[in-house]
Amino acid sequence: MPDKNKAVFLDRDGVLNQEMGDYIRYMKDFHILDNFAALKTLQDKGYMLIIATNQGGLAKGWYTEEGLAEMHNELKKQYKAHGVEFTDVYYCPHHPDFTGPCDCRKPKPGLLLRGIAEYNIDPAQSYFIGDRERDVEAGTAAGVKGILIDSDQPISTILDLIA
């Protein structure tokens, strides 16, 4: 059996881009944080980088799948310019008040479990960096180590926590 991969799962808002209240509805409000060097370091250590984000604004009709894809494409483009490639981007389009419960909205572990299964990831060697307690809860439920950072805190400040 081939060796399992290791990954760092990343929340999006407040970790990869500036937190802007409840939801970022428009590209003009999507400001990418400079975590380029830190994520390049993790990638160079052999970690897959996978985004896992709640996007309940889709269920609320506040933005479209196309608008969300535009933001994610810009995020990938800016990081790629610094040598960083995201393995995948997973998002939960649900909101309990509009679509009822689901298995993918954090703190449920569905997004992470999907990545673990699709990319043969060893949860014991993997991490989830998020700016909310629900991110850490999702990581724990998926068997990965959750790391809580303050919104807009550079990822470089927690690199020593990742093997």
N, C-alpha and C. Protein backbone atom coordinates (compact mmCIF):
# COMPACT_ATOMS: atom_id res chain seq x y z
N MET A 1 0.84 -1.18 0.00
CA MET A 1 0.00 0.00 0.00
C MET A 1 0.89 1.25 0.00
N PRO A 2 0.57 2.23 -0.86
CA PRO A 2 1.41 3.42 -0.94
C PRO A 2 1.32 4.25 0.35
N ASP A 3 2.40 5.00 0.62
CA ASP A 3 2.39 5.87 1.79
C ASP A 3 1.26 6.88 1.68
N LYS A 4 0.74 7.25 2.83
CA LYS A 4 -0.31 8.25 2.86
C LYS A 4 0.32 9.65 2.77
N ASN A 5 -0.46 10.58 2.27
CA ASN A 5 -0.03 11.97 2.16
C ASN A 5 -0.31 12.71 3.45
N LYS A 6 0.34 13.85 3.60
CA LYS A 6 0.03 14.73 4.73
C LYS A 6 -0.47 16.05 4.15
N ALA A 7 -1.33 16.72 4.92
CA ALA A 7 -1.95 17.94 4.41
C ALA A 7 -2.10 18.98 5.51
N VAL A 8 -2.14 20.22 5.06
CA VAL A 8 -2.59 21.31 5.92
C VAL A 8 -3.87 21.83 5.28
N PHE A 9 -4.96 21.65 6.00
CA PHE A 9 -6.24 22.21 5.59
C PHE A 9 -6.28 23.64 6.09
N LEU A 10 -6.87 24.52 5.31
CA LEU A 10 -6.89 25.94 5.64
C LEU A 10 -8.31 26.49 5.52
N ASP A 11 -8.77 27.16 6.55
CA ASP A 11 -9.99 27.94 6.41
C ASP A 11 -9.66 29.09 5.46
N ARG A 12 -10.67 29.68 4.86
CA ARG A 12 -10.41 30.76 3.90
C ARG A 12 -10.48 32.14 4.57
N ASP A 13 -11.68 32.56 4.96
CA ASP A 13 -11.89 33.91 5.48
C ASP A 13 -11.20 34.08 6.83
N GLY A 14 -10.33 35.09 6.92
CA GLY A 14 -9.58 35.34 8.14
C GLY A 14 -8.28 34.58 8.22
N VAL A 15 -8.04 33.67 7.26
CA VAL A 15 -6.79 32.91 7.22
C VAL A 15 -6.05 33.19 5.91
N LEU A 16 -6.74 33.06 4.79
CA LEU A 16 -6.12 33.31 3.48
C LEU A 16 -6.51 34.67 2.90
N ASN A 17 -7.64 35.17 3.32
CA ASN A 17 -8.07 36.50 2.90
C ASN A 17 -8.65 37.24 4.09
N GLN A 18 -8.70 38.53 3.96
CA GLN A 18 -9.16 39.39 5.06
C GLN A 18 -10.62 39.08 5.39
N GLU A 19 -10.89 38.94 6.68
CA GLU A 19 -12.27 38.75 7.17
C GLU A 19 -13.01 40.07 6.97
N MET A 20 -14.21 39.99 6.39
CA MET A 20 -14.98 41.21 6.10
C MET A 20 -16.39 41.08 6.66
N GLY A 21 -16.52 40.79 7.95
CA GLY A 21 -17.86 40.62 8.51
C GLY A 21 -18.39 39.24 8.19
N ASP A 22 -19.68 39.14 7.99
CA ASP A 22 -20.31 37.83 7.79
C ASP A 22 -19.91 37.17 6.47
N TYR A 23 -20.04 37.88 5.37
CA TYR A 23 -19.80 37.27 4.06
C TYR A 23 -19.13 38.26 3.13
N ILE A 24 -18.26 37.75 2.29
CA ILE A 24 -17.67 38.56 1.23
C ILE A 24 -18.53 38.31 0.00
N ARG A 25 -19.22 39.33 -0.43
CA ARG A 25 -20.16 39.18 -1.53
C ARG A 25 -19.58 39.56 -2.89
N TYR A 26 -18.57 40.44 -2.89
CA TYR A 26 -18.08 41.00 -4.15
C TYR A 26 -16.56 40.90 -4.23
N MET A 27 -16.06 40.76 -5.46
CA MET A 27 -14.61 40.67 -5.68
C MET A 27 -13.89 41.88 -5.10
N LYS A 28 -14.49 43.06 -5.17
CA LYS A 28 -13.83 44.27 -4.68
C LYS A 28 -13.54 44.20 -3.18
N ASP A 29 -14.26 43.32 -2.46
CA ASP A 29 -14.06 43.16 -1.02
C ASP A 29 -13.17 41.97 -0.67
N PHE A 30 -12.65 41.30 -1.68
CA PHE A 30 -11.84 40.09 -1.48
C PHE A 30 -10.37 40.47 -1.47
N HIS A 31 -9.79 40.58 -0.27
CA HIS A 31 -8.40 41.02 -0.12
C HIS A 31 -7.56 39.87 0.43
N ILE A 32 -6.63 39.40 -0.39
CA ILE A 32 -5.82 38.24 -0.05
C ILE A 32 -4.70 38.64 0.90
N LEU A 33 -4.53 37.85 1.95
CA LEU A 33 -3.48 38.09 2.93
C LEU A 33 -2.15 37.53 2.43
N ASP A 34 -1.05 38.12 2.87
CA ASP A 34 0.27 37.69 2.44
C ASP A 34 0.77 36.56 3.35
N ASN A 35 0.32 35.36 3.02
CA ASN A 35 0.83 34.16 3.68
C ASN A 35 1.61 33.31 2.67
N PHE A 36 2.11 33.97 1.64
CA PHE A 36 2.76 33.27 0.54
C PHE A 36 3.97 32.46 1.01
N ALA A 37 4.90 33.10 1.72
CA ALA A 37 6.13 32.41 2.14
C ALA A 37 5.83 31.27 3.11
N ALA A 38 4.91 31.49 4.03
CA ALA A 38 4.58 30.46 5.02
C ALA A 38 3.97 29.23 4.33
N LEU A 39 3.07 29.45 3.41
CA LEU A 39 2.46 28.30 2.72
C LEU A 39 3.45 27.63 1.79
N LYS A 40 4.37 28.39 1.22
CA LYS A 40 5.42 27.78 0.39
C LYS A 40 6.31 26.89 1.26
N THR A 41 6.60 27.34 2.48
CA THR A 41 7.39 26.53 3.41
C THR A 41 6.68 25.21 3.71
N LEU A 42 5.38 25.28 3.99
CA LEU A 42 4.62 24.05 4.27
C LEU A 42 4.57 23.14 3.05
N GLN A 43 4.36 23.71 1.90
CA GLN A 43 4.33 22.93 0.66
C GLN A 43 5.69 22.27 0.43
N ASP A 44 6.77 23.01 0.68
CA ASP A 44 8.12 22.46 0.49
C ASP A 44 8.43 21.35 1.50
N LYS A 45 7.72 21.34 2.64
CA LYS A 45 7.87 20.27 3.63
C LYS A 45 7.03 19.04 3.25
N GLY A 46 6.35 19.11 2.11
CA GLY A 46 5.61 17.96 1.63
C GLY A 46 4.13 17.94 1.97
N TYR A 47 3.61 19.04 2.48
CA TYR A 47 2.19 19.11 2.81
C TYR A 47 1.37 19.53 1.61
N MET A 48 0.27 18.80 1.38
CA MET A 48 -0.74 19.28 0.45
C MET A 48 -1.44 20.44 1.14
N LEU A 49 -1.87 21.42 0.38
CA LEU A 49 -2.60 22.57 0.92
C LEU A 49 -4.02 22.52 0.38
N ILE A 50 -4.98 22.38 1.29
CA ILE A 50 -6.37 22.21 0.89
C ILE A 50 -7.23 23.22 1.64
N ILE A 51 -8.02 23.97 0.91
CA ILE A 51 -8.91 24.96 1.51
C ILE A 51 -10.23 24.27 1.86
N ALA A 52 -10.74 24.57 3.08
CA ALA A 52 -12.04 24.06 3.54
C ALA A 52 -12.79 25.23 4.15
N THR A 53 -13.85 25.69 3.49
CA THR A 53 -14.52 26.92 3.90
C THR A 53 -16.04 26.79 3.87
N ASN A 54 -16.69 27.34 4.89
CA ASN A 54 -18.15 27.48 4.89
C ASN A 54 -18.50 28.67 4.01
N GLN A 55 -19.44 28.48 3.12
CA GLN A 55 -19.90 29.57 2.27
C GLN A 55 -21.43 29.62 2.26
N GLY A 56 -21.99 29.84 3.46
CA GLY A 56 -23.43 29.88 3.64
C GLY A 56 -24.11 31.01 2.89
N GLY A 57 -23.35 32.00 2.46
CA GLY A 57 -23.92 33.08 1.67
C GLY A 57 -24.51 32.59 0.36
N LEU A 58 -24.03 31.44 -0.12
CA LEU A 58 -24.64 30.84 -1.32
C LEU A 58 -26.09 30.45 -1.05
N ALA A 59 -26.32 29.78 0.08
CA ALA A 59 -27.68 29.35 0.44
C ALA A 59 -28.59 30.56 0.66
N LYS A 60 -28.00 31.65 1.14
CA LYS A 60 -28.77 32.87 1.39
C LYS A 60 -29.01 33.67 0.12
N GLY A 61 -28.34 33.30 -0.96
CA GLY A 61 -28.49 34.02 -2.22
C GLY A 61 -27.72 35.34 -2.27
N TRP A 62 -26.75 35.48 -1.41
CA TRP A 62 -25.99 36.73 -1.33
C TRP A 62 -24.90 36.82 -2.38
N TYR A 63 -24.49 35.70 -2.94
CA TYR A 63 -23.56 35.66 -4.06
C TYR A 63 -23.78 34.35 -4.78
N THR A 64 -23.17 34.20 -5.93
CA THR A 64 -23.40 33.04 -6.79
C THR A 64 -22.20 32.10 -6.78
N GLU A 65 -22.41 30.91 -7.28
CA GLU A 65 -21.30 29.95 -7.46
C GLU A 65 -20.23 30.56 -8.38
N GLU A 66 -20.68 31.30 -9.40
CA GLU A 66 -19.73 31.93 -10.33
C GLU A 66 -18.89 32.99 -9.61
N GLY A 67 -19.52 33.77 -8.76
CA GLY A 67 -18.78 34.79 -8.00
C GLY A 67 -17.79 34.15 -7.04
N LEU A 68 -18.21 33.06 -6.41
CA LEU A 68 -17.32 32.34 -5.50
C LEU A 68 -16.14 31.75 -6.28
N ALA A 69 -16.41 31.18 -7.45
CA ALA A 69 -15.34 30.61 -8.28
C ALA A 69 -14.35 31.70 -8.70
N GLU A 70 -14.85 32.91 -8.97
CA GLU A 70 -13.97 34.02 -9.35
C GLU A 70 -13.01 34.35 -8.20
N MET A 71 -13.55 34.37 -6.97
CA MET A 71 -12.69 34.64 -5.81
C MET A 71 -11.64 33.54 -5.64
N HIS A 72 -12.07 32.29 -5.76
CA HIS A 72 -11.14 31.17 -5.57
C HIS A 72 -10.09 31.14 -6.68
N ASN A 73 -10.48 31.48 -7.90
CA ASN A 73 -9.51 31.53 -8.99
C ASN A 73 -8.47 32.62 -8.77
N GLU A 74 -8.91 33.78 -8.25
CA GLU A 74 -7.97 34.87 -7.95
C GLU A 74 -7.02 34.46 -6.82
N LEU A 75 -7.56 33.79 -5.81
CA LEU A 75 -6.74 33.31 -4.69
C LEU A 75 -5.66 32.35 -5.21
N LYS A 76 -6.07 31.38 -6.02
CA LYS A 76 -5.12 30.41 -6.57
C LYS A 76 -4.08 31.10 -7.45
N LYS A 77 -4.52 32.06 -8.25
CA LYS A 77 -3.61 32.77 -9.15
C LYS A 77 -2.55 33.55 -8.37
N GLN A 78 -2.97 34.28 -7.34
CA GLN A 78 -2.00 35.07 -6.57
C GLN A 78 -1.02 34.18 -5.82
N TYR A 79 -1.50 33.08 -5.27
CA TYR A 79 -0.58 32.17 -4.56
C TYR A 79 0.34 31.46 -5.55
N LYS A 80 -0.18 31.08 -6.70
CA LYS A 80 0.65 30.39 -7.70
C LYS A 80 1.80 31.29 -8.16
N ALA A 81 1.56 32.61 -8.21
CA ALA A 81 2.61 33.55 -8.59
C ALA A 81 3.77 33.52 -7.59
N HIS A 82 3.51 33.00 -6.40
CA HIS A 82 4.55 32.87 -5.36
C HIS A 82 4.96 31.41 -5.17
N GLY A 83 4.62 30.56 -6.14
CA GLY A 83 5.05 29.16 -6.12
C GLY A 83 4.21 28.25 -5.24
N VAL A 84 3.03 28.72 -4.83
CA VAL A 84 2.17 27.94 -3.95
C VAL A 84 0.98 27.41 -4.75
N GLU A 85 0.75 26.09 -4.64
CA GLU A 85 -0.38 25.47 -5.33
C GLU A 85 -1.30 24.82 -4.32
N PHE A 86 -2.59 25.14 -4.42
CA PHE A 86 -3.58 24.48 -3.58
C PHE A 86 -4.00 23.19 -4.26
N THR A 87 -4.00 22.11 -3.49
CA THR A 87 -4.40 20.81 -4.04
C THR A 87 -5.87 20.82 -4.41
N ASP A 88 -6.69 21.46 -3.58
CA ASP A 88 -8.13 21.51 -3.85
C ASP A 88 -8.77 22.59 -2.99
N VAL A 89 -9.98 22.96 -3.35
CA VAL A 89 -10.79 23.91 -2.59
C VAL A 89 -12.14 23.25 -2.36
N TYR A 90 -12.47 23.03 -1.09
CA TYR A 90 -13.77 22.48 -0.72
C TYR A 90 -14.57 23.57 -0.01
N TYR A 91 -15.84 23.66 -0.36
CA TYR A 91 -16.68 24.62 0.35
C TYR A 91 -18.06 24.02 0.61
N CYS A 92 -18.63 24.45 1.72
CA CYS A 92 -19.99 24.06 2.07
C CYS A 92 -20.92 25.17 1.62
N PRO A 93 -21.85 24.88 0.71
CA PRO A 93 -22.76 25.91 0.21
C PRO A 93 -24.03 26.06 1.07
N HIS A 94 -24.10 25.32 2.14
CA HIS A 94 -25.33 25.27 2.94
C HIS A 94 -25.34 26.28 4.08
N HIS A 95 -26.53 26.54 4.57
CA HIS A 95 -26.72 27.31 5.80
C HIS A 95 -27.91 26.69 6.51
N PRO A 96 -27.76 26.33 7.80
CA PRO A 96 -28.83 25.59 8.49
C PRO A 96 -30.18 26.30 8.49
N ASP A 97 -30.19 27.62 8.49
CA ASP A 97 -31.46 28.35 8.49
C ASP A 97 -32.15 28.34 7.14
N PHE A 98 -31.42 27.99 6.08
CA PHE A 98 -31.97 28.04 4.73
C PHE A 98 -32.06 26.67 4.08
N THR A 99 -31.11 25.79 4.38
CA THR A 99 -31.06 24.48 3.71
C THR A 99 -31.16 23.31 4.68
N GLY A 100 -31.22 23.61 5.99
CA GLY A 100 -31.25 22.53 6.98
C GLY A 100 -29.85 22.03 7.26
N PRO A 101 -29.75 21.01 8.11
CA PRO A 101 -28.43 20.50 8.49
C PRO A 101 -27.75 19.76 7.34
N CYS A 102 -26.42 19.71 7.42
CA CYS A 102 -25.62 18.97 6.43
C CYS A 102 -24.41 18.40 7.15
N ASP A 103 -23.64 17.58 6.47
CA ASP A 103 -22.44 16.98 7.06
C ASP A 103 -21.17 17.75 6.72
N CYS A 104 -21.30 18.81 5.89
CA CYS A 104 -20.08 19.48 5.44
C CYS A 104 -19.86 20.84 6.08
N ARG A 105 -20.86 21.41 6.73
CA ARG A 105 -20.67 22.73 7.34
C ARG A 105 -19.90 22.58 8.64
N LYS A 106 -18.74 23.25 8.72
CA LYS A 106 -17.96 23.22 9.95
C LYS A 106 -18.83 23.77 11.08
N PRO A 107 -18.83 23.16 12.23
CA PRO A 107 -17.82 22.28 12.81
C PRO A 107 -17.94 20.80 12.42
N LYS A 108 -18.88 20.42 11.55
CA LYS A 108 -18.91 19.03 11.07
C LYS A 108 -17.65 18.80 10.22
N PRO A 109 -17.15 17.59 10.17
CA PRO A 109 -15.87 17.33 9.50
C PRO A 109 -15.97 16.95 8.03
N GLY A 110 -17.14 17.06 7.42
CA GLY A 110 -17.35 16.54 6.07
C GLY A 110 -16.37 17.01 5.02
N LEU A 111 -16.04 18.31 5.01
CA LEU A 111 -15.10 18.83 4.01
C LEU A 111 -13.72 18.19 4.17
N LEU A 112 -13.29 18.04 5.42
CA LEU A 112 -11.97 17.46 5.67
C LEU A 112 -11.97 15.97 5.35
N LEU A 113 -13.02 15.27 5.74
CA LEU A 113 -13.11 13.83 5.46
C LEU A 113 -13.09 13.57 3.96
N ARG A 114 -13.70 14.47 3.20
CA ARG A 114 -13.70 14.33 1.75
C ARG A 114 -12.26 14.43 1.21
N GLY A 115 -11.53 15.44 1.70
CA GLY A 115 -10.14 15.60 1.27
C GLY A 115 -9.27 14.43 1.68
N ILE A 116 -9.48 13.95 2.89
CA ILE A 116 -8.72 12.81 3.41
C ILE A 116 -8.94 11.59 2.51
N ALA A 117 -10.18 11.35 2.13
CA ALA A 117 -10.50 10.20 1.29
C ALA A 117 -9.99 10.38 -0.14
N GLU A 118 -10.20 11.54 -0.72
CA GLU A 118 -9.84 11.76 -2.13
C GLU A 118 -8.33 11.80 -2.37
N TYR A 119 -7.57 12.21 -1.36
CA TYR A 119 -6.13 12.38 -1.57
C TYR A 119 -5.28 11.45 -0.70
N ASN A 120 -5.88 10.40 -0.14
CA ASN A 120 -5.14 9.41 0.63
C ASN A 120 -4.29 10.08 1.71
N ILE A 121 -4.95 10.90 2.52
CA ILE A 121 -4.27 11.69 3.54
C ILE A 121 -4.30 10.96 4.88
N ASP A 122 -3.18 11.02 5.58
CA ASP A 122 -3.08 10.49 6.94
C ASP A 122 -3.46 11.62 7.90
N PRO A 123 -4.64 11.52 8.54
CA PRO A 123 -5.06 12.59 9.45
C PRO A 123 -4.06 12.83 10.58
N ALA A 124 -3.39 11.78 11.05
CA ALA A 124 -2.47 11.92 12.18
C ALA A 124 -1.25 12.79 11.84
N GLN A 125 -0.96 12.95 10.55
CA GLN A 125 0.16 13.79 10.11
C GLN A 125 -0.31 15.14 9.55
N SER A 126 -1.60 15.45 9.76
CA SER A 126 -2.19 16.60 9.09
C SER A 126 -2.74 17.62 10.09
N TYR A 127 -3.00 18.82 9.58
CA TYR A 127 -3.40 19.96 10.41
C TYR A 127 -4.56 20.72 9.75
N PHE A 128 -5.26 21.48 10.57
CA PHE A 128 -6.27 22.40 10.05
C PHE A 128 -6.07 23.75 10.73
N ILE A 129 -5.74 24.76 9.94
CA ILE A 129 -5.53 26.11 10.45
C ILE A 129 -6.81 26.91 10.21
N GLY A 130 -7.37 27.43 11.30
CA GLY A 130 -8.58 28.23 11.18
C GLY A 130 -8.61 29.34 12.20
N ASP A 131 -9.53 30.28 11.99
CA ASP A 131 -9.62 31.43 12.90
C ASP A 131 -10.85 31.37 13.80
N ARG A 132 -11.55 30.25 13.79
CA ARG A 132 -12.72 30.08 14.64
C ARG A 132 -12.68 28.71 15.31
N GLU A 133 -13.29 28.65 16.47
CA GLU A 133 -13.31 27.40 17.22
C GLU A 133 -13.93 26.26 16.41
N ARG A 134 -14.90 26.58 15.57
CA ARG A 134 -15.54 25.54 14.75
C ARG A 134 -14.55 24.88 13.79
N ASP A 135 -13.51 25.61 13.39
CA ASP A 135 -12.48 25.03 12.52
C ASP A 135 -11.69 23.97 13.29
N VAL A 136 -11.32 24.30 14.52
CA VAL A 136 -10.59 23.35 15.36
C VAL A 136 -11.47 22.13 15.64
N GLU A 137 -12.76 22.36 15.92
CA GLU A 137 -13.70 21.25 16.17
C GLU A 137 -13.79 20.34 14.94
N ALA A 138 -13.87 20.92 13.77
CA ALA A 138 -13.95 20.11 12.54
C ALA A 138 -12.68 19.30 12.36
N GLY A 139 -11.53 19.92 12.63
CA GLY A 139 -10.26 19.21 12.52
C GLY A 139 -10.20 18.04 13.48
N THR A 140 -10.57 18.29 14.74
CA THR A 140 -10.56 17.23 15.75
C THR A 140 -11.49 16.09 15.34
N ALA A 141 -12.68 16.41 14.86
CA ALA A 141 -13.64 15.39 14.44
C ALA A 141 -13.13 14.57 13.26
N ALA A 142 -12.27 15.18 12.44
CA ALA A 142 -11.70 14.46 11.28
C ALA A 142 -10.39 13.77 11.63
N GLY A 143 -9.90 13.96 12.86
CA GLY A 143 -8.67 13.30 13.27
C GLY A 143 -7.40 14.07 12.96
N VAL A 144 -7.54 15.34 12.55
CA VAL A 144 -6.36 16.17 12.29
C VAL A 144 -6.19 17.16 13.44
N LYS A 145 -4.98 17.68 13.59
CA LYS A 145 -4.72 18.64 14.67
C LYS A 145 -5.19 20.02 14.23
N GLY A 146 -6.09 20.60 15.01
CA GLY A 146 -6.57 21.94 14.73
C GLY A 146 -5.68 22.99 15.36
N ILE A 147 -5.42 24.06 14.61
CA ILE A 147 -4.62 25.17 15.11
C ILE A 147 -5.46 26.44 14.94
N LEU A 148 -5.73 27.10 16.06
CA LEU A 148 -6.54 28.32 16.05
C LEU A 148 -5.62 29.53 15.97
N ILE A 149 -5.88 30.40 14.99
CA ILE A 149 -5.14 31.66 14.90
C ILE A 149 -6.14 32.80 14.97
N ASP A 150 -5.65 33.97 15.32
CA ASP A 150 -6.50 35.15 15.28
C ASP A 150 -6.74 35.53 13.84
N SER A 151 -7.94 36.06 13.57
CA SER A 151 -8.26 36.51 12.23
C SER A 151 -7.18 37.48 11.76
N ASP A 152 -6.68 37.27 10.59
CA ASP A 152 -5.64 38.09 9.97
C ASP A 152 -4.25 37.90 10.59
N GLN A 153 -4.08 36.90 11.48
CA GLN A 153 -2.75 36.58 12.03
C GLN A 153 -1.95 35.86 10.94
N PRO A 154 -0.72 36.27 10.71
CA PRO A 154 0.07 35.59 9.68
C PRO A 154 0.31 34.12 10.06
N ILE A 155 0.21 33.26 9.08
CA ILE A 155 0.44 31.84 9.29
C ILE A 155 1.90 31.59 9.73
N SER A 156 2.80 32.46 9.32
CA SER A 156 4.21 32.29 9.69
C SER A 156 4.41 32.23 11.21
N THR A 157 3.49 32.83 11.97
CA THR A 157 3.64 32.84 13.44
C THR A 157 3.37 31.50 14.08
N ILE A 158 2.79 30.57 13.34
CA ILE A 158 2.48 29.25 13.91
C ILE A 158 3.20 28.12 13.19
N LEU A 159 4.14 28.44 12.32
CA LEU A 159 4.85 27.39 11.58
C LEU A 159 5.56 26.41 12.48
N ASP A 160 6.03 26.85 13.65
CA ASP A 160 6.75 25.94 14.55
C ASP A 160 5.84 24.91 15.19
N LEU A 161 4.51 25.07 15.06
CA LEU A 161 3.57 24.08 15.57
C LEU A 161 3.35 22.91 14.62
N ILE A 162 3.85 23.07 13.39
CA ILE A 162 3.64 22.05 12.36
C ILE A 162 4.96 21.34 12.09
N ALA A 163 4.94 20.02 12.23
CA ALA A 163 6.15 19.20 12.12
C ALA A 163 6.80 19.36 10.75
